[in-house]
Amino acid sequence: MVNVLKEKVYWALFSHDSSNLYLAATDQGLCYVGSPDAPFEELKAWVSKHIAEYDLI
């Protein structure tokens, strides 16, 4: 059995006035700032494209 270490990707939703932004970071720092009012699926798609094995936390 092969154990693959998954990159931890921490995410948060930043809300200001009527706008929302998803933010994501790894242990190395900020890696993603979403488009204003974009859905969570945009974050998931970006992470799956740029980080091979990950856990969204």
PDB file of N, CA and C in Angstrom:
ATOM      1  N   MET A   1       0.838  -1.179   0.000  1.00  0.00           N
ATOM      2  CA  MET A   1       0.000   0.000   0.000  1.00  0.00           C
ATOM      3  C   MET A   1       0.888   1.250   0.000  1.00  0.00           C
ATOM      4  N   VAL A   2       0.566   2.182  -0.839  1.00  0.00           N
ATOM      5  CA  VAL A   2       1.335   3.417  -0.936  1.00  0.00           C
ATOM      6  C   VAL A   2       0.582   4.524  -0.203  1.00  0.00           C
ATOM      7  N   ASN A   3       1.268   5.162   0.735  1.00  0.00           N
ATOM      8  CA  ASN A   3       0.679   6.302   1.436  1.00  0.00           C
ATOM      9  C   ASN A   3       1.120   7.575   0.746  1.00  0.00           C
ATOM     10  N   VAL A   4       0.174   8.340   0.261  1.00  0.00           N
ATOM     11  CA  VAL A   4       0.462   9.607  -0.397  1.00  0.00           C
ATOM     12  C   VAL A   4       0.161  10.721   0.590  1.00  0.00           C
ATOM     13  N   LEU A   5       1.156  11.564   0.840  1.00  0.00           N
ATOM     14  CA  LEU A   5       0.921  12.704   1.717  1.00  0.00           C
ATOM     15  C   LEU A   5       0.130  13.758   0.965  1.00  0.00           C
ATOM     16  N   LYS A   6      -0.952  14.158   1.560  1.00  0.00           N
ATOM     17  CA  LYS A   6      -1.796  15.169   0.930  1.00  0.00           C
ATOM     18  C   LYS A   6      -1.440  16.540   1.474  1.00  0.00           C
ATOM     19  N   GLU A   7      -1.416  17.521   0.576  1.00  0.00           N
ATOM     20  CA  GLU A   7      -1.194  18.915   0.954  1.00  0.00           C
ATOM     21  C   GLU A   7      -2.444  19.428   1.657  1.00  0.00           C
ATOM     22  N   LYS A   8      -2.273  20.040   2.808  1.00  0.00           N
ATOM     23  CA  LYS A   8      -3.405  20.646   3.504  1.00  0.00           C
ATOM     24  C   LYS A   8      -3.640  22.024   2.913  1.00  0.00           C
ATOM     25  N   VAL A   9      -4.871  22.267   2.490  1.00  0.00           N
ATOM     26  CA  VAL A   9      -5.258  23.565   1.948  1.00  0.00           C
ATOM     27  C   VAL A   9      -6.346  24.120   2.864  1.00  0.00           C
ATOM     28  N   TYR A  10      -5.994  25.169   3.575  1.00  0.00           N
ATOM     29  CA  TYR A  10      -6.909  25.814   4.504  1.00  0.00           C
ATOM     30  C   TYR A  10      -7.682  26.896   3.755  1.00  0.00           C
ATOM     31  N   TRP A  11      -8.976  26.962   3.954  1.00  0.00           N
ATOM     32  CA  TRP A  11      -9.762  27.961   3.239  1.00  0.00           C
ATOM     33  C   TRP A  11     -10.656  28.736   4.198  1.00  0.00           C
ATOM     34  N   ALA A  12     -11.040  29.926   3.752  1.00  0.00           N
ATOM     35  CA  ALA A  12     -11.940  30.774   4.531  1.00  0.00           C
ATOM     36  C   ALA A  12     -12.765  31.615   3.576  1.00  0.00           C
ATOM     37  N   LEU A  13     -13.909  32.052   4.062  1.00  0.00           N
ATOM     38  CA  LEU A  13     -14.761  32.953   3.302  1.00  0.00           C
ATOM     39  C   LEU A  13     -14.658  34.334   3.937  1.00  0.00           C
ATOM     40  N   PHE A  14     -14.206  35.301   3.171  1.00  0.00           N
ATOM     41  CA  PHE A  14     -14.096  36.686   3.617  1.00  0.00           C
ATOM     42  C   PHE A  14     -15.292  37.465   3.086  1.00  0.00           C
ATOM     43  N   SER A  15     -16.039  38.073   3.989  1.00  0.00           N
ATOM     44  CA  SER A  15     -17.213  38.858   3.597  1.00  0.00           C
ATOM     45  C   SER A  15     -17.005  40.309   3.987  1.00  0.00           C
ATOM     46  N   HIS A  16     -17.301  41.197   3.057  1.00  0.00           N
ATOM     47  CA  HIS A  16     -17.214  42.631   3.316  1.00  0.00           C
ATOM     48  C   HIS A  16     -18.335  43.315   2.552  1.00  0.00           C
ATOM     49  N   ASP A  17     -19.128  44.100   3.264  1.00  0.00           N
ATOM     50  CA  ASP A  17     -20.319  44.719   2.691  1.00  0.00           C
ATOM     51  C   ASP A  17     -21.168  43.631   2.028  1.00  0.00           C
ATOM     52  N   SER A  18     -21.356  43.688   0.741  1.00  0.00           N
ATOM     53  CA  SER A  18     -22.171  42.673   0.072  1.00  0.00           C
ATOM     54  C   SER A  18     -21.335  41.740  -0.796  1.00  0.00           C
ATOM     55  N   SER A  19     -20.018  41.767  -0.641  1.00  0.00           N
ATOM     56  CA  SER A  19     -19.133  40.916  -1.447  1.00  0.00           C
ATOM     57  C   SER A  19     -18.525  39.800  -0.604  1.00  0.00           C
ATOM     58  N   ASN A  20     -18.274  38.682  -1.257  1.00  0.00           N
ATOM     59  CA  ASN A  20     -17.624  37.535  -0.621  1.00  0.00           C
ATOM     60  C   ASN A  20     -16.432  37.111  -1.469  1.00  0.00           C
ATOM     61  N   LEU A  21     -15.357  36.693  -0.777  1.00  0.00           N
ATOM     62  CA  LEU A  21     -14.170  36.155  -1.449  1.00  0.00           C
ATOM     63  C   LEU A  21     -13.728  34.902  -0.716  1.00  0.00           C
ATOM     64  N   TYR A  22     -13.439  33.849  -1.454  1.00  0.00           N
ATOM     65  CA  TYR A  22     -12.827  32.676  -0.853  1.00  0.00           C
ATOM     66  C   TYR A  22     -11.321  32.854  -0.907  1.00  0.00           C
ATOM     67  N   LEU A  23     -10.669  32.504   0.209  1.00  0.00           N
ATOM     68  CA  LEU A  23      -9.215  32.557   0.324  1.00  0.00           C
ATOM     69  C   LEU A  23      -8.727  31.161   0.661  1.00  0.00           C
ATOM     70  N   ALA A  24      -7.535  30.813   0.180  1.00  0.00           N
ATOM     71  CA  ALA A  24      -6.956  29.518   0.509  1.00  0.00           C
ATOM     72  C   ALA A  24      -5.457  29.668   0.726  1.00  0.00           C
ATOM     73  N   ALA A  25      -4.937  28.830   1.623  1.00  0.00           N
ATOM     74  CA  ALA A  25      -3.504  28.858   1.920  1.00  0.00           C
ATOM     75  C   ALA A  25      -3.026  27.452   2.250  1.00  0.00           C
ATOM     76  N   THR A  26      -1.756  27.220   1.994  1.00  0.00           N
ATOM     77  CA  THR A  26      -1.091  25.994   2.422  1.00  0.00           C
ATOM     78  C   THR A  26      -0.143  26.384   3.553  1.00  0.00           C
ATOM     79  N   ASP A  27       0.635  25.430   4.035  1.00  0.00           N
ATOM     80  CA  ASP A  27       1.623  25.745   5.067  1.00  0.00           C
ATOM     81  C   ASP A  27       2.696  26.695   4.539  1.00  0.00           C
ATOM     82  N   GLN A  28       2.824  26.813   3.232  1.00  0.00           N
ATOM     83  CA  GLN A  28       3.804  27.721   2.629  1.00  0.00           C
ATOM     84  C   GLN A  28       3.266  29.139   2.464  1.00  0.00           C
ATOM     85  N   GLY A  29       1.953  29.345   2.608  1.00  0.00           N
ATOM     86  CA  GLY A  29       1.379  30.679   2.517  1.00  0.00           C
ATOM     87  C   GLY A  29       0.142  30.733   1.638  1.00  0.00           C
ATOM     88  N   LEU A  30      -0.299  31.962   1.378  1.00  0.00           N
ATOM     89  CA  LEU A  30      -1.496  32.200   0.577  1.00  0.00           C
ATOM     90  C   LEU A  30      -1.314  31.654  -0.837  1.00  0.00           C
ATOM     91  N   CYS A  31      -2.307  30.914  -1.319  1.00  0.00           N
ATOM     92  CA  CYS A  31      -2.189  30.342  -2.663  1.00  0.00           C
ATOM     93  C   CYS A  31      -3.360  30.700  -3.572  1.00  0.00           C
ATOM     94  N   TYR A  32      -4.441  31.236  -3.004  1.00  0.00           N
ATOM     95  CA  TYR A  32      -5.625  31.490  -3.832  1.00  0.00           C
ATOM     96  C   TYR A  32      -6.454  32.612  -3.232  1.00  0.00           C
ATOM     97  N   VAL A  33      -6.880  33.534  -4.077  1.00  0.00           N
ATOM     98  CA  VAL A  33      -7.878  34.547  -3.735  1.00  0.00           C
ATOM     99  C   VAL A  33      -8.915  34.492  -4.843  1.00  0.00           C
ATOM    100  N   GLY A  34     -10.133  34.189  -4.474  1.00  0.00           N
ATOM    101  CA  GLY A  34     -11.184  33.988  -5.463  1.00  0.00           C
ATOM    102  C   GLY A  34     -11.707  35.265  -6.078  1.00  0.00           C
ATOM    103  N   SER A  35     -12.476  35.082  -7.105  1.00  0.00           N
ATOM    104  CA  SER A  35     -13.168  36.187  -7.755  1.00  0.00           C
ATOM    105  C   SER A  35     -14.306  36.654  -6.850  1.00  0.00           C
ATOM    106  N   PRO A  36     -14.641  37.943  -6.888  1.00  0.00           N
ATOM    107  CA  PRO A  36     -15.745  38.427  -6.048  1.00  0.00           C
ATOM    108  C   PRO A  36     -17.038  37.659  -6.311  1.00  0.00           C
ATOM    109  N   ASP A  37     -17.631  37.166  -5.236  1.00  0.00           N
ATOM    110  CA  ASP A  37     -18.908  36.459  -5.256  1.00  0.00           C
ATOM    111  C   ASP A  37     -18.911  35.169  -6.075  1.00  0.00           C
ATOM    112  N   ALA A  38     -17.736  34.620  -6.351  1.00  0.00           N
ATOM    113  CA  ALA A  38     -17.657  33.342  -7.069  1.00  0.00           C
ATOM    114  C   ALA A  38     -18.038  32.206  -6.116  1.00  0.00           C
ATOM    115  N   PRO A  39     -18.567  31.127  -6.640  1.00  0.00           N
ATOM    116  CA  PRO A  39     -18.968  30.006  -5.779  1.00  0.00           C
ATOM    117  C   PRO A  39     -17.757  29.217  -5.277  1.00  0.00           C
ATOM    118  N   PHE A  40     -17.991  28.410  -4.244  1.00  0.00           N
ATOM    119  CA  PHE A  40     -16.949  27.565  -3.663  1.00  0.00           C
ATOM    120  C   PHE A  40     -16.349  26.620  -4.707  1.00  0.00           C
ATOM    121  N   GLU A  41     -17.138  26.243  -5.699  1.00  0.00           N
ATOM    122  CA  GLU A  41     -16.659  25.327  -6.737  1.00  0.00           C
ATOM    123  C   GLU A  41     -15.468  25.911  -7.506  1.00  0.00           C
ATOM    124  N   GLU A  42     -15.392  27.250  -7.620  1.00  0.00           N
ATOM    125  CA  GLU A  42     -14.234  27.859  -8.277  1.00  0.00           C
ATOM    126  C   GLU A  42     -12.956  27.569  -7.489  1.00  0.00           C
ATOM    127  N   LEU A  43     -13.030  27.667  -6.186  1.00  0.00           N
ATOM    128  CA  LEU A  43     -11.884  27.333  -5.326  1.00  0.00           C
ATOM    129  C   LEU A  43     -11.503  25.867  -5.490  1.00  0.00           C
ATOM    130  N   LYS A  44     -12.466  24.973  -5.423  1.00  0.00           N
ATOM    131  CA  LYS A  44     -12.175  23.545  -5.565  1.00  0.00           C
ATOM    132  C   LYS A  44     -11.540  23.241  -6.915  1.00  0.00           C
ATOM    133  N   ALA A  45     -12.037  23.848  -7.979  1.00  0.00           N
ATOM    134  CA  ALA A  45     -11.478  23.613  -9.315  1.00  0.00           C
ATOM    135  C   ALA A  45     -10.040  24.106  -9.395  1.00  0.00           C
ATOM    136  N   TRP A  46      -9.741  25.269  -8.833  1.00  0.00           N
ATOM    137  CA  TRP A  46      -8.382  25.810  -8.865  1.00  0.00           C
ATOM    138  C   TRP A  46      -7.429  24.904  -8.099  1.00  0.00           C
ATOM    139  N   VAL A  47      -7.846  24.482  -6.915  1.00  0.00           N
ATOM    140  CA  VAL A  47      -6.989  23.625  -6.089  1.00  0.00           C
ATOM    141  C   VAL A  47      -6.728  22.293  -6.791  1.00  0.00           C
ATOM    142  N   SER A  48      -7.747  21.684  -7.354  1.00  0.00           N
ATOM    143  CA  SER A  48      -7.551  20.387  -8.011  1.00  0.00           C
ATOM    144  C   SER A  48      -6.661  20.506  -9.248  1.00  0.00           C
ATOM    145  N   LYS A  49      -6.636  21.667  -9.880  1.00  0.00           N
ATOM    146  CA  LYS A  49      -5.776  21.881 -11.043  1.00  0.00           C
ATOM    147  C   LYS A  49      -4.316  22.123 -10.648  1.00  0.00           C
ATOM    148  N   HIS A  50      -4.086  22.772  -9.506  1.00  0.00           N
ATOM    149  CA  HIS A  50      -2.743  23.210  -9.143  1.00  0.00           C
ATOM    150  C   HIS A  50      -2.054  22.374  -8.063  1.00  0.00           C
ATOM    151  N   ILE A  51      -2.826  21.591  -7.308  1.00  0.00           N
ATOM    152  CA  ILE A  51      -2.252  20.781  -6.240  1.00  0.00           C
ATOM    153  C   ILE A  51      -2.746  19.350  -6.436  1.00  0.00           C
ATOM    154  N   ALA A  52      -1.797  18.447  -6.688  1.00  0.00           N
ATOM    155  CA  ALA A  52      -2.160  17.075  -7.067  1.00  0.00           C
ATOM    156  C   ALA A  52      -2.983  16.352  -5.996  1.00  0.00           C
ATOM    157  N   GLU A  53      -2.468  16.234  -4.808  1.00  0.00           N
ATOM    158  CA  GLU A  53      -3.156  15.545  -3.714  1.00  0.00           C
ATOM    159  C   GLU A  53      -3.377  16.548  -2.601  1.00  0.00           C
ATOM    160  N   TYR A  54      -4.633  16.755  -2.210  1.00  0.00           N
ATOM    161  CA  TYR A  54      -4.924  17.790  -1.228  1.00  0.00           C
ATOM    162  C   TYR A  54      -6.102  17.416  -0.352  1.00  0.00           C
ATOM    163  N   ASP A  55      -6.169  18.045   0.795  1.00  0.00           N
ATOM    164  CA  ASP A  55      -7.333  18.001   1.683  1.00  0.00           C
ATOM    165  C   ASP A  55      -7.741  19.435   1.924  1.00  0.00           C
ATOM    166  N   LEU A  56      -8.979  19.783   1.621  1.00  0.00           N
ATOM    167  CA  LEU A  56      -9.496  21.115   1.946  1.00  0.00           C
ATOM    168  C   LEU A  56      -9.932  21.103   3.411  1.00  0.00           C
ATOM    169  N   ILE A  57      -9.383  22.036   4.146  1.00  0.00           N
ATOM    170  CA  ILE A  57      -9.645  22.103   5.590  1.00  0.00           C
ATOM    171  C   ILE A  57     -10.244  23.451   5.917  1.00  0.00           C
TER     172      ILE A  57
END
